[in-house]
Amino acid sequence: MNPVPAAPTPAPIHDIVGPVWFFPWPVWVVVCVALGILFLLAGLAWGLRSWLGRKTPPTAKERALAVLDALRGTVAGADPYAFGITVSDAIRNYIHEQHGLQATTQTSLEFLESIRSNPVFTDNEKSGLAVFLEKTDLLKYARAEAGESEMIGLLETAGRLVRAEVQPGKTAEAKP
């Protein structure tokens, strides 16, 4: 009997090692992608902030009322000439912007003639405009003197015209 040769001894088994970390992308690609995401997020934040922070521009009525309120604070000791120009401009600009009428380029008489048959204003508003424009024309062109109470009265008339309120004691006609 032949002795069976002994089998070679196997290599020793080493302990199992965890997975080897391998990063699939170069570092410069990772940095570029990170910067791109950062810029994208910053752009979205800026766009959202500007979109949410947008304010609607004031209407013609709001602008006219703001000018009239600012004038109310300067009535005491105001020059009647400058006051007449400012209050007249405020109303004429309001009428031009709100109703599309050429109040800023026409004289008072031309403007009143142009709205005579215009259904935009009631007869009460037309008569209020006539009185208002007559008083401001006296201040602007005749350089008439006006006291504080008269200027406040003009401001109140102008405010009623802008707010389309009926003057006390008068009835409004229905607008067609």
N, C-alpha and C. Protein backbone atom coordinates (compact mmCIF):
# COMPACT_ATOMS: atom_id res chain seq x y z
N MET A 1 0.77 -1.14 0.00
CA MET A 1 0.00 0.00 0.00
C MET A 1 0.83 1.23 0.00
N ASN A 2 0.49 1.87 -0.85
CA ASN A 2 1.21 3.11 -1.03
C ASN A 2 0.59 4.19 -0.14
N PRO A 3 1.46 4.75 0.41
CA PRO A 3 0.84 5.84 1.20
C PRO A 3 0.44 6.99 0.29
N VAL A 4 -0.66 7.54 0.58
CA VAL A 4 -1.22 8.66 -0.20
C VAL A 4 -0.44 9.91 0.23
N PRO A 5 0.04 10.54 -0.76
CA PRO A 5 0.78 11.72 -0.35
C PRO A 5 -0.16 12.74 0.33
N ALA A 6 0.36 13.42 1.17
CA ALA A 6 -0.43 14.40 1.92
C ALA A 6 -0.73 15.60 1.03
N ALA A 7 -1.93 16.05 1.17
CA ALA A 7 -2.36 17.21 0.36
C ALA A 7 -1.67 18.45 0.89
N PRO A 8 -1.37 19.31 -0.05
CA PRO A 8 -0.70 20.52 0.43
C PRO A 8 -1.64 21.29 1.35
N THR A 9 -1.09 21.94 2.25
CA THR A 9 -1.93 22.69 3.19
C THR A 9 -2.49 23.93 2.48
N PRO A 10 -3.76 24.13 2.67
CA PRO A 10 -4.36 25.30 2.01
C PRO A 10 -3.87 26.60 2.63
N ALA A 11 -4.02 27.69 1.83
CA ALA A 11 -3.61 29.01 2.32
C ALA A 11 -4.54 29.41 3.46
N PRO A 12 -4.01 30.12 4.40
CA PRO A 12 -4.86 30.47 5.53
C PRO A 12 -5.98 31.44 5.09
N ILE A 13 -7.11 31.28 5.65
CA ILE A 13 -8.27 32.14 5.34
C ILE A 13 -8.16 33.37 6.23
N HIS A 14 -8.23 34.50 5.56
CA HIS A 14 -8.17 35.75 6.32
C HIS A 14 -9.59 36.17 6.66
N ASP A 15 -9.70 37.06 7.66
CA ASP A 15 -11.03 37.56 8.03
C ASP A 15 -11.63 38.33 6.86
N ILE A 16 -12.95 38.35 6.80
CA ILE A 16 -13.66 39.07 5.74
C ILE A 16 -13.55 40.56 6.01
N VAL A 17 -13.21 41.26 4.96
CA VAL A 17 -13.03 42.71 5.07
C VAL A 17 -14.27 43.36 4.46
N GLY A 18 -14.67 44.53 5.02
CA GLY A 18 -15.84 45.25 4.50
C GLY A 18 -15.60 45.72 3.08
N PRO A 19 -16.64 46.28 2.50
CA PRO A 19 -16.50 46.73 1.10
C PRO A 19 -15.46 47.84 0.98
N VAL A 20 -14.85 47.88 -0.14
CA VAL A 20 -13.85 48.90 -0.43
C VAL A 20 -14.59 50.12 -0.99
N TRP A 21 -14.31 51.31 -0.40
CA TRP A 21 -14.99 52.52 -0.86
C TRP A 21 -14.38 52.95 -2.18
N PHE A 22 -15.31 53.19 -3.12
CA PHE A 22 -14.86 53.63 -4.43
C PHE A 22 -15.80 54.74 -4.87
N PHE A 23 -15.28 55.96 -5.15
CA PHE A 23 -16.11 57.09 -5.58
C PHE A 23 -16.14 57.11 -7.09
N PRO A 24 -17.37 57.08 -7.68
CA PRO A 24 -17.46 56.91 -9.13
C PRO A 24 -17.18 58.17 -9.95
N TRP A 25 -17.20 59.38 -9.34
CA TRP A 25 -17.03 60.60 -10.12
C TRP A 25 -15.80 61.36 -9.66
N PRO A 26 -15.22 62.10 -10.57
CA PRO A 26 -14.07 62.92 -10.16
C PRO A 26 -14.54 64.06 -9.24
N VAL A 27 -13.64 64.53 -8.43
CA VAL A 27 -13.96 65.57 -7.46
C VAL A 27 -14.42 66.85 -8.15
N TRP A 28 -13.81 67.23 -9.27
CA TRP A 28 -14.19 68.47 -9.95
C TRP A 28 -15.63 68.41 -10.45
N VAL A 29 -16.14 67.23 -10.82
CA VAL A 29 -17.53 67.10 -11.26
C VAL A 29 -18.46 67.33 -10.07
N VAL A 30 -18.13 66.78 -8.94
CA VAL A 30 -18.94 66.94 -7.74
C VAL A 30 -19.00 68.42 -7.33
N VAL A 31 -17.87 69.11 -7.37
CA VAL A 31 -17.83 70.52 -7.01
C VAL A 31 -18.68 71.35 -7.97
N CYS A 32 -18.58 71.08 -9.26
CA CYS A 32 -19.38 71.82 -10.25
C CYS A 32 -20.87 71.58 -10.06
N VAL A 33 -21.26 70.36 -9.82
CA VAL A 33 -22.69 70.05 -9.60
C VAL A 33 -23.18 70.74 -8.33
N ALA A 34 -22.40 70.73 -7.28
CA ALA A 34 -22.79 71.38 -6.02
C ALA A 34 -22.95 72.89 -6.23
N LEU A 35 -22.02 73.51 -6.94
CA LEU A 35 -22.14 74.95 -7.22
C LEU A 35 -23.37 75.23 -8.09
N GLY A 36 -23.63 74.38 -9.06
CA GLY A 36 -24.80 74.56 -9.91
C GLY A 36 -26.09 74.48 -9.11
N ILE A 37 -26.19 73.53 -8.20
CA ILE A 37 -27.38 73.41 -7.36
C ILE A 37 -27.50 74.62 -6.44
N LEU A 38 -26.38 75.09 -5.91
CA LEU A 38 -26.39 76.27 -5.05
C LEU A 38 -26.88 77.50 -5.82
N PHE A 39 -26.39 77.71 -7.03
CA PHE A 39 -26.83 78.84 -7.84
C PHE A 39 -28.31 78.71 -8.21
N LEU A 40 -28.75 77.52 -8.50
CA LEU A 40 -30.15 77.30 -8.84
C LEU A 40 -31.05 77.63 -7.65
N LEU A 41 -30.68 77.18 -6.46
CA LEU A 41 -31.46 77.49 -5.27
C LEU A 41 -31.46 78.99 -4.96
N ALA A 42 -30.31 79.64 -5.14
CA ALA A 42 -30.24 81.09 -4.91
C ALA A 42 -31.11 81.83 -5.92
N GLY A 43 -31.11 81.40 -7.17
CA GLY A 43 -31.96 82.03 -8.19
C GLY A 43 -33.44 81.83 -7.89
N LEU A 44 -33.79 80.65 -7.46
CA LEU A 44 -35.19 80.41 -7.09
C LEU A 44 -35.61 81.26 -5.90
N ALA A 45 -34.75 81.39 -4.91
CA ALA A 45 -35.06 82.20 -3.74
C ALA A 45 -35.22 83.67 -4.13
N TRP A 46 -34.33 84.16 -4.98
CA TRP A 46 -34.41 85.55 -5.42
C TRP A 46 -35.69 85.78 -6.23
N GLY A 47 -35.99 84.87 -7.15
CA GLY A 47 -37.20 85.02 -7.96
C GLY A 47 -38.46 84.96 -7.13
N LEU A 48 -38.51 84.06 -6.17
CA LEU A 48 -39.68 83.95 -5.31
C LEU A 48 -39.83 85.19 -4.45
N ARG A 49 -38.72 85.71 -3.95
CA ARG A 49 -38.78 86.91 -3.12
C ARG A 49 -39.26 88.12 -3.93
N SER A 50 -38.75 88.26 -5.14
CA SER A 50 -39.17 89.41 -5.96
C SER A 50 -40.62 89.24 -6.43
N TRP A 51 -41.05 88.01 -6.67
CA TRP A 51 -42.43 87.78 -7.11
C TRP A 51 -43.40 88.05 -5.97
N LEU A 52 -43.05 87.63 -4.76
CA LEU A 52 -43.94 87.85 -3.62
C LEU A 52 -43.90 89.30 -3.14
N GLY A 53 -42.78 89.96 -3.34
CA GLY A 53 -42.64 91.34 -2.87
C GLY A 53 -43.17 92.37 -3.83
N ARG A 54 -43.68 91.93 -4.97
CA ARG A 54 -44.18 92.87 -5.96
C ARG A 54 -45.44 93.56 -5.44
N LYS A 55 -45.46 94.86 -5.54
CA LYS A 55 -46.63 95.63 -5.13
C LYS A 55 -47.33 96.13 -6.38
N THR A 56 -48.63 96.15 -6.30
CA THR A 56 -49.37 96.69 -7.43
C THR A 56 -49.26 98.21 -7.40
N PRO A 57 -49.14 98.82 -8.54
CA PRO A 57 -49.03 100.29 -8.55
C PRO A 57 -50.34 100.90 -8.08
N PRO A 58 -50.26 102.06 -7.45
CA PRO A 58 -51.49 102.69 -6.97
C PRO A 58 -52.38 103.10 -8.13
N THR A 59 -53.68 103.07 -7.90
CA THR A 59 -54.63 103.47 -8.92
C THR A 59 -54.63 104.99 -9.03
N ALA A 60 -55.30 105.49 -10.06
CA ALA A 60 -55.41 106.94 -10.24
C ALA A 60 -56.12 107.57 -9.04
N LYS A 61 -57.11 106.89 -8.54
CA LYS A 61 -57.86 107.39 -7.38
C LYS A 61 -56.95 107.47 -6.16
N GLU A 62 -56.16 106.43 -5.92
CA GLU A 62 -55.26 106.42 -4.76
C GLU A 62 -54.19 107.52 -4.89
N ARG A 63 -53.66 107.72 -6.10
CA ARG A 63 -52.66 108.77 -6.29
C ARG A 63 -53.26 110.15 -6.05
N ALA A 64 -54.47 110.38 -6.57
CA ALA A 64 -55.11 111.68 -6.39
C ALA A 64 -55.41 111.93 -4.91
N LEU A 65 -55.92 110.92 -4.22
CA LEU A 65 -56.22 111.10 -2.80
C LEU A 65 -54.94 111.32 -1.99
N ALA A 66 -53.84 110.70 -2.39
CA ALA A 66 -52.56 110.91 -1.70
C ALA A 66 -52.08 112.35 -1.88
N VAL A 67 -52.22 112.88 -3.09
CA VAL A 67 -51.82 114.27 -3.33
C VAL A 67 -52.70 115.22 -2.52
N LEU A 68 -54.00 114.95 -2.49
CA LEU A 68 -54.91 115.81 -1.74
C LEU A 68 -54.63 115.74 -0.24
N ASP A 69 -54.31 114.55 0.27
CA ASP A 69 -53.97 114.42 1.69
C ASP A 69 -52.68 115.16 2.01
N ALA A 70 -51.72 115.10 1.10
CA ALA A 70 -50.46 115.82 1.31
C ALA A 70 -50.71 117.33 1.31
N LEU A 71 -51.61 117.77 0.44
CA LEU A 71 -51.94 119.20 0.40
C LEU A 71 -52.64 119.65 1.67
N ARG A 72 -53.44 118.76 2.24
CA ARG A 72 -54.20 119.12 3.44
C ARG A 72 -53.25 119.53 4.57
N GLY A 73 -52.11 118.91 4.63
CA GLY A 73 -51.14 119.24 5.68
C GLY A 73 -50.41 120.54 5.44
N THR A 74 -50.46 121.08 4.23
CA THR A 74 -49.72 122.31 3.92
C THR A 74 -50.63 123.51 3.69
N VAL A 75 -51.91 123.39 4.04
CA VAL A 75 -52.86 124.48 3.78
C VAL A 75 -52.51 125.72 4.59
N ALA A 76 -52.14 125.53 5.84
CA ALA A 76 -51.83 126.68 6.70
C ALA A 76 -50.62 127.42 6.14
N GLY A 77 -50.83 128.67 5.77
CA GLY A 77 -49.75 129.50 5.26
C GLY A 77 -49.34 129.20 3.83
N ALA A 78 -50.14 128.44 3.11
CA ALA A 78 -49.79 128.09 1.73
C ALA A 78 -50.07 129.26 0.79
N ASP A 79 -49.29 129.32 -0.27
CA ASP A 79 -49.50 130.31 -1.31
C ASP A 79 -50.73 129.88 -2.12
N PRO A 80 -51.77 130.72 -2.21
CA PRO A 80 -52.98 130.33 -2.92
C PRO A 80 -52.73 129.98 -4.39
N TYR A 81 -51.79 130.67 -5.03
CA TYR A 81 -51.49 130.40 -6.43
C TYR A 81 -50.94 128.98 -6.60
N ALA A 82 -49.90 128.65 -5.83
CA ALA A 82 -49.30 127.31 -5.91
C ALA A 82 -50.30 126.23 -5.48
N PHE A 83 -51.11 126.54 -4.48
CA PHE A 83 -52.12 125.60 -4.03
C PHE A 83 -53.13 125.33 -5.14
N GLY A 84 -53.58 126.39 -5.81
CA GLY A 84 -54.55 126.24 -6.90
C GLY A 84 -54.00 125.40 -8.04
N ILE A 85 -52.74 125.59 -8.37
CA ILE A 85 -52.12 124.81 -9.44
C ILE A 85 -52.05 123.33 -9.04
N THR A 86 -51.60 123.07 -7.82
CA THR A 86 -51.42 121.69 -7.38
C THR A 86 -52.73 120.94 -7.28
N VAL A 87 -53.74 121.55 -6.68
CA VAL A 87 -55.02 120.86 -6.52
C VAL A 87 -55.71 120.67 -7.88
N SER A 88 -55.58 121.64 -8.76
CA SER A 88 -56.16 121.51 -10.10
C SER A 88 -55.46 120.41 -10.89
N ASP A 89 -54.13 120.37 -10.81
CA ASP A 89 -53.38 119.32 -11.50
C ASP A 89 -53.75 117.93 -10.98
N ALA A 90 -53.95 117.83 -9.67
CA ALA A 90 -54.30 116.53 -9.09
C ALA A 90 -55.63 116.02 -9.66
N ILE A 91 -56.62 116.90 -9.73
CA ILE A 91 -57.93 116.50 -10.24
C ILE A 91 -57.87 116.25 -11.75
N ARG A 92 -57.20 117.12 -12.48
CA ARG A 92 -57.11 116.94 -13.93
C ARG A 92 -56.37 115.64 -14.29
N ASN A 93 -55.28 115.35 -13.57
CA ASN A 93 -54.57 114.09 -13.82
C ASN A 93 -55.43 112.89 -13.46
N TYR A 94 -56.17 112.99 -12.38
CA TYR A 94 -57.07 111.89 -11.99
C TYR A 94 -58.11 111.64 -13.09
N ILE A 95 -58.73 112.70 -13.58
CA ILE A 95 -59.76 112.56 -14.62
C ILE A 95 -59.15 111.98 -15.89
N HIS A 96 -57.96 112.44 -16.23
CA HIS A 96 -57.29 111.92 -17.44
C HIS A 96 -56.97 110.43 -17.30
N GLU A 97 -56.39 110.04 -16.16
CA GLU A 97 -55.99 108.65 -15.97
C GLU A 97 -57.18 107.72 -15.74
N GLN A 98 -58.17 108.18 -14.99
CA GLN A 98 -59.29 107.33 -14.62
C GLN A 98 -60.29 107.18 -15.77
N HIS A 99 -60.58 108.28 -16.44
CA HIS A 99 -61.65 108.27 -17.44
C HIS A 99 -61.16 108.44 -18.87
N GLY A 100 -59.88 108.73 -19.05
CA GLY A 100 -59.32 108.87 -20.39
C GLY A 100 -59.73 110.17 -21.08
N LEU A 101 -60.19 111.14 -20.32
CA LEU A 101 -60.58 112.43 -20.90
C LEU A 101 -59.37 113.37 -20.92
N GLN A 102 -59.37 114.29 -21.85
CA GLN A 102 -58.23 115.19 -22.05
C GLN A 102 -58.27 116.39 -21.10
N ALA A 103 -58.44 116.15 -19.84
CA ALA A 103 -58.55 117.23 -18.86
C ALA A 103 -57.23 117.97 -18.69
N THR A 104 -56.12 117.32 -18.98
CA THR A 104 -54.82 117.97 -18.77
C THR A 104 -54.41 118.86 -19.92
N THR A 105 -55.03 118.70 -21.08
CA THR A 105 -54.62 119.49 -22.25
C THR A 105 -55.66 120.51 -22.67
N GLN A 106 -56.80 120.53 -22.02
CA GLN A 106 -57.85 121.48 -22.39
C GLN A 106 -58.00 122.55 -21.32
N THR A 107 -58.53 123.69 -21.76
CA THR A 107 -58.87 124.71 -20.78
C THR A 107 -60.09 124.23 -20.01
N SER A 108 -60.40 124.91 -18.93
CA SER A 108 -61.56 124.52 -18.12
C SER A 108 -62.84 124.56 -18.95
N LEU A 109 -63.01 125.62 -19.75
CA LEU A 109 -64.23 125.74 -20.56
C LEU A 109 -64.30 124.64 -21.61
N GLU A 110 -63.19 124.34 -22.27
CA GLU A 110 -63.17 123.26 -23.25
C GLU A 110 -63.49 121.92 -22.60
N PHE A 111 -62.93 121.69 -21.44
CA PHE A 111 -63.17 120.43 -20.76
C PHE A 111 -64.64 120.30 -20.33
N LEU A 112 -65.17 121.36 -19.75
CA LEU A 112 -66.58 121.31 -19.32
C LEU A 112 -67.50 121.12 -20.51
N GLU A 113 -67.17 121.72 -21.65
CA GLU A 113 -67.98 121.55 -22.86
C GLU A 113 -67.89 120.10 -23.35
N SER A 114 -66.70 119.51 -23.24
CA SER A 114 -66.53 118.13 -23.73
C SER A 114 -67.26 117.11 -22.87
N ILE A 115 -67.49 117.41 -21.60
CA ILE A 115 -68.18 116.43 -20.75
C ILE A 115 -69.68 116.72 -20.63
N ARG A 116 -70.15 117.75 -21.30
CA ARG A 116 -71.56 118.11 -21.17
C ARG A 116 -72.48 116.94 -21.51
N SER A 117 -72.20 116.24 -22.59
CA SER A 117 -73.05 115.11 -22.98
C SER A 117 -72.40 113.76 -22.68
N ASN A 118 -71.30 113.77 -21.95
CA ASN A 118 -70.59 112.54 -21.62
C ASN A 118 -71.24 111.87 -20.41
N PRO A 119 -71.60 110.60 -20.51
CA PRO A 119 -72.28 109.93 -19.40
C PRO A 119 -71.35 109.49 -18.27
N VAL A 120 -70.05 109.80 -18.34
CA VAL A 120 -69.12 109.39 -17.29
C VAL A 120 -69.46 110.07 -15.97
N PHE A 121 -69.89 111.32 -16.03
CA PHE A 121 -70.20 112.09 -14.83
C PHE A 121 -71.70 112.34 -14.74
N THR A 122 -72.19 112.37 -13.51
CA THR A 122 -73.59 112.75 -13.30
C THR A 122 -73.69 114.27 -13.41
N ASP A 123 -74.90 114.77 -13.49
CA ASP A 123 -75.08 116.23 -13.54
C ASP A 123 -74.54 116.89 -12.28
N ASN A 124 -74.69 116.22 -11.15
CA ASN A 124 -74.18 116.75 -9.90
C ASN A 124 -72.65 116.83 -9.94
N GLU A 125 -71.99 115.80 -10.47
CA GLU A 125 -70.53 115.82 -10.57
C GLU A 125 -70.07 116.88 -11.57
N LYS A 126 -70.83 117.06 -12.65
CA LYS A 126 -70.47 118.08 -13.64
C LYS A 126 -70.56 119.47 -13.03
N SER A 127 -71.60 119.73 -12.26
CA SER A 127 -71.72 121.05 -11.63
C SER A 127 -70.64 121.23 -10.57
N GLY A 128 -70.30 120.18 -9.84
CA GLY A 128 -69.21 120.26 -8.86
C GLY A 128 -67.88 120.54 -9.53
N LEU A 129 -67.65 119.89 -10.68
CA LEU A 129 -66.42 120.14 -11.44
C LEU A 129 -66.37 121.59 -11.94
N ALA A 130 -67.51 122.10 -12.40
CA ALA A 130 -67.55 123.47 -12.91
C ALA A 130 -67.20 124.46 -11.80
N VAL A 131 -67.77 124.27 -10.62
CA VAL A 131 -67.47 125.16 -9.50
C VAL A 131 -66.01 125.03 -9.09
N PHE A 132 -65.55 123.80 -9.01
CA PHE A 132 -64.17 123.55 -8.61
C PHE A 132 -63.19 124.20 -9.59
N LEU A 133 -63.39 123.97 -10.88
CA LEU A 133 -62.47 124.52 -11.88
C LEU A 133 -62.53 126.04 -11.91
N GLU A 134 -63.70 126.60 -11.69
CA GLU A 134 -63.81 128.07 -11.66
C GLU A 134 -62.99 128.63 -10.50
N LYS A 135 -63.11 128.02 -9.33
CA LYS A 135 -62.36 128.51 -8.16
C LYS A 135 -60.85 128.34 -8.35
N THR A 136 -60.44 127.20 -8.90
CA THR A 136 -58.99 127.02 -9.08
C THR A 136 -58.46 127.93 -10.18
N ASP A 137 -59.27 128.20 -11.21
CA ASP A 137 -58.84 129.14 -12.26
C ASP A 137 -58.67 130.55 -11.68
N LEU A 138 -59.54 130.93 -10.76
CA LEU A 138 -59.38 132.23 -10.11
C LEU A 138 -58.07 132.29 -9.32
N LEU A 139 -57.73 131.20 -8.67
CA LEU A 139 -56.48 131.18 -7.91
C LEU A 139 -55.27 131.19 -8.84
N LYS A 140 -55.37 130.47 -9.96
CA LYS A 140 -54.22 130.33 -10.85
C LYS A 140 -54.03 131.54 -11.75
N TYR A 141 -55.09 132.02 -12.35
CA TYR A 141 -54.94 133.05 -13.38
C TYR A 141 -55.22 134.47 -12.88
N ALA A 142 -56.17 134.62 -12.00
CA ALA A 142 -56.48 135.95 -11.48
C ALA A 142 -55.69 136.23 -10.20
N ARG A 143 -54.98 135.20 -9.72
CA ARG A 143 -54.20 135.31 -8.49
C ARG A 143 -55.05 135.83 -7.34
N ALA A 144 -56.26 135.28 -7.26
CA ALA A 144 -57.19 135.67 -6.20
C ALA A 144 -56.64 135.18 -4.86
N GLU A 145 -56.96 135.89 -3.83
CA GLU A 145 -56.55 135.49 -2.49
C GLU A 145 -57.57 134.48 -1.95
N ALA A 146 -57.07 133.53 -1.22
CA ALA A 146 -57.93 132.53 -0.61
C ALA A 146 -57.46 132.27 0.80
N GLY A 147 -58.42 132.22 1.70
CA GLY A 147 -58.09 131.92 3.09
C GLY A 147 -57.96 130.42 3.30
N GLU A 148 -57.58 130.09 4.50
CA GLU A 148 -57.38 128.67 4.82
C GLU A 148 -58.69 127.89 4.69
N SER A 149 -59.79 128.48 5.11
CA SER A 149 -61.08 127.78 5.03
C SER A 149 -61.50 127.55 3.57
N GLU A 150 -61.21 128.52 2.69
CA GLU A 150 -61.54 128.34 1.28
C GLU A 150 -60.69 127.24 0.63
N MET A 151 -59.42 127.18 1.01
CA MET A 151 -58.56 126.14 0.46
C MET A 151 -58.98 124.76 0.98
N ILE A 152 -59.36 124.67 2.24
CA ILE A 152 -59.85 123.40 2.78
C ILE A 152 -61.14 123.01 2.08
N GLY A 153 -62.00 124.00 1.78
CA GLY A 153 -63.22 123.72 1.02
C GLY A 153 -62.92 123.17 -0.37
N LEU A 154 -61.89 123.72 -1.01
CA LEU A 154 -61.49 123.19 -2.33
C LEU A 154 -60.97 121.76 -2.21
N LEU A 155 -60.22 121.49 -1.16
CA LEU A 155 -59.72 120.13 -0.95
C LEU A 155 -60.87 119.15 -0.71
N GLU A 156 -61.86 119.58 0.06
CA GLU A 156 -63.01 118.70 0.31
C GLU A 156 -63.80 118.45 -0.97
N THR A 157 -63.98 119.50 -1.77
CA THR A 157 -64.67 119.33 -3.05
C THR A 157 -63.90 118.38 -3.95
N ALA A 158 -62.59 118.56 -4.00
CA ALA A 158 -61.75 117.68 -4.83
C ALA A 158 -61.83 116.24 -4.32
N GLY A 159 -61.81 116.05 -3.02
CA GLY A 159 -61.92 114.71 -2.45
C GLY A 159 -63.25 114.05 -2.80
N ARG A 160 -64.32 114.83 -2.75
CA ARG A 160 -65.64 114.28 -3.13
C ARG A 160 -65.68 113.92 -4.60
N LEU A 161 -65.06 114.73 -5.43
CA LEU A 161 -65.03 114.42 -6.87
C LEU A 161 -64.26 113.14 -7.13
N VAL A 162 -63.14 112.95 -6.44
CA VAL A 162 -62.34 111.74 -6.65
C VAL A 162 -63.07 110.52 -6.11
N ARG A 163 -63.66 110.65 -4.95
CA ARG A 163 -64.37 109.51 -4.35
C ARG A 163 -65.76 109.32 -4.95
N ALA A 164 -66.17 110.23 -5.84
CA ALA A 164 -67.48 110.19 -6.50
C ALA A 164 -68.60 110.18 -5.47
N GLU A 165 -68.43 111.00 -4.44
CA GLU A 165 -69.45 111.12 -3.41
C GLU A 165 -70.42 112.23 -3.80
N VAL A 166 -71.64 112.10 -3.36
CA VAL A 166 -72.65 113.12 -3.61
C VAL A 166 -72.48 114.20 -2.57
N GLN A 167 -72.55 115.44 -3.01
CA GLN A 167 -72.43 116.54 -2.08
C GLN A 167 -73.65 116.56 -1.17
N PRO A 168 -73.50 116.95 0.09
CA PRO A 168 -74.62 116.94 1.03
C PRO A 168 -75.78 117.80 0.53
N GLY A 169 -76.98 117.28 0.69
CA GLY A 169 -78.18 118.02 0.32
C GLY A 169 -78.58 117.84 -1.14
N LYS A 170 -77.81 117.10 -1.93
CA LYS A 170 -78.12 116.92 -3.34
C LYS A 170 -78.30 115.44 -3.60
N THR A 171 -79.07 115.13 -4.58
CA THR A 171 -79.29 113.73 -4.92
C THR A 171 -78.47 113.38 -6.15
N ALA A 172 -78.08 112.17 -6.22
CA ALA A 172 -77.31 111.73 -7.37
C ALA A 172 -78.23 111.12 -8.40
N GLU A 173 -77.84 111.30 -9.64
CA GLU A 173 -78.58 110.67 -10.72
C GLU A 173 -77.93 109.35 -11.03
N ALA A 174 -78.71 108.42 -11.49
CA ALA A 174 -78.16 107.11 -11.83
C ALA A 174 -77.30 107.23 -13.06
N LYS A 175 -76.15 106.57 -13.02
CA LYS A 175 -75.28 106.56 -14.20
C LYS A 175 -75.79 105.52 -15.16
N PRO A 176 -75.83 105.82 -16.46
CA PRO A 176 -76.30 104.82 -17.41
C PRO A 176 -75.35 103.68 -17.55
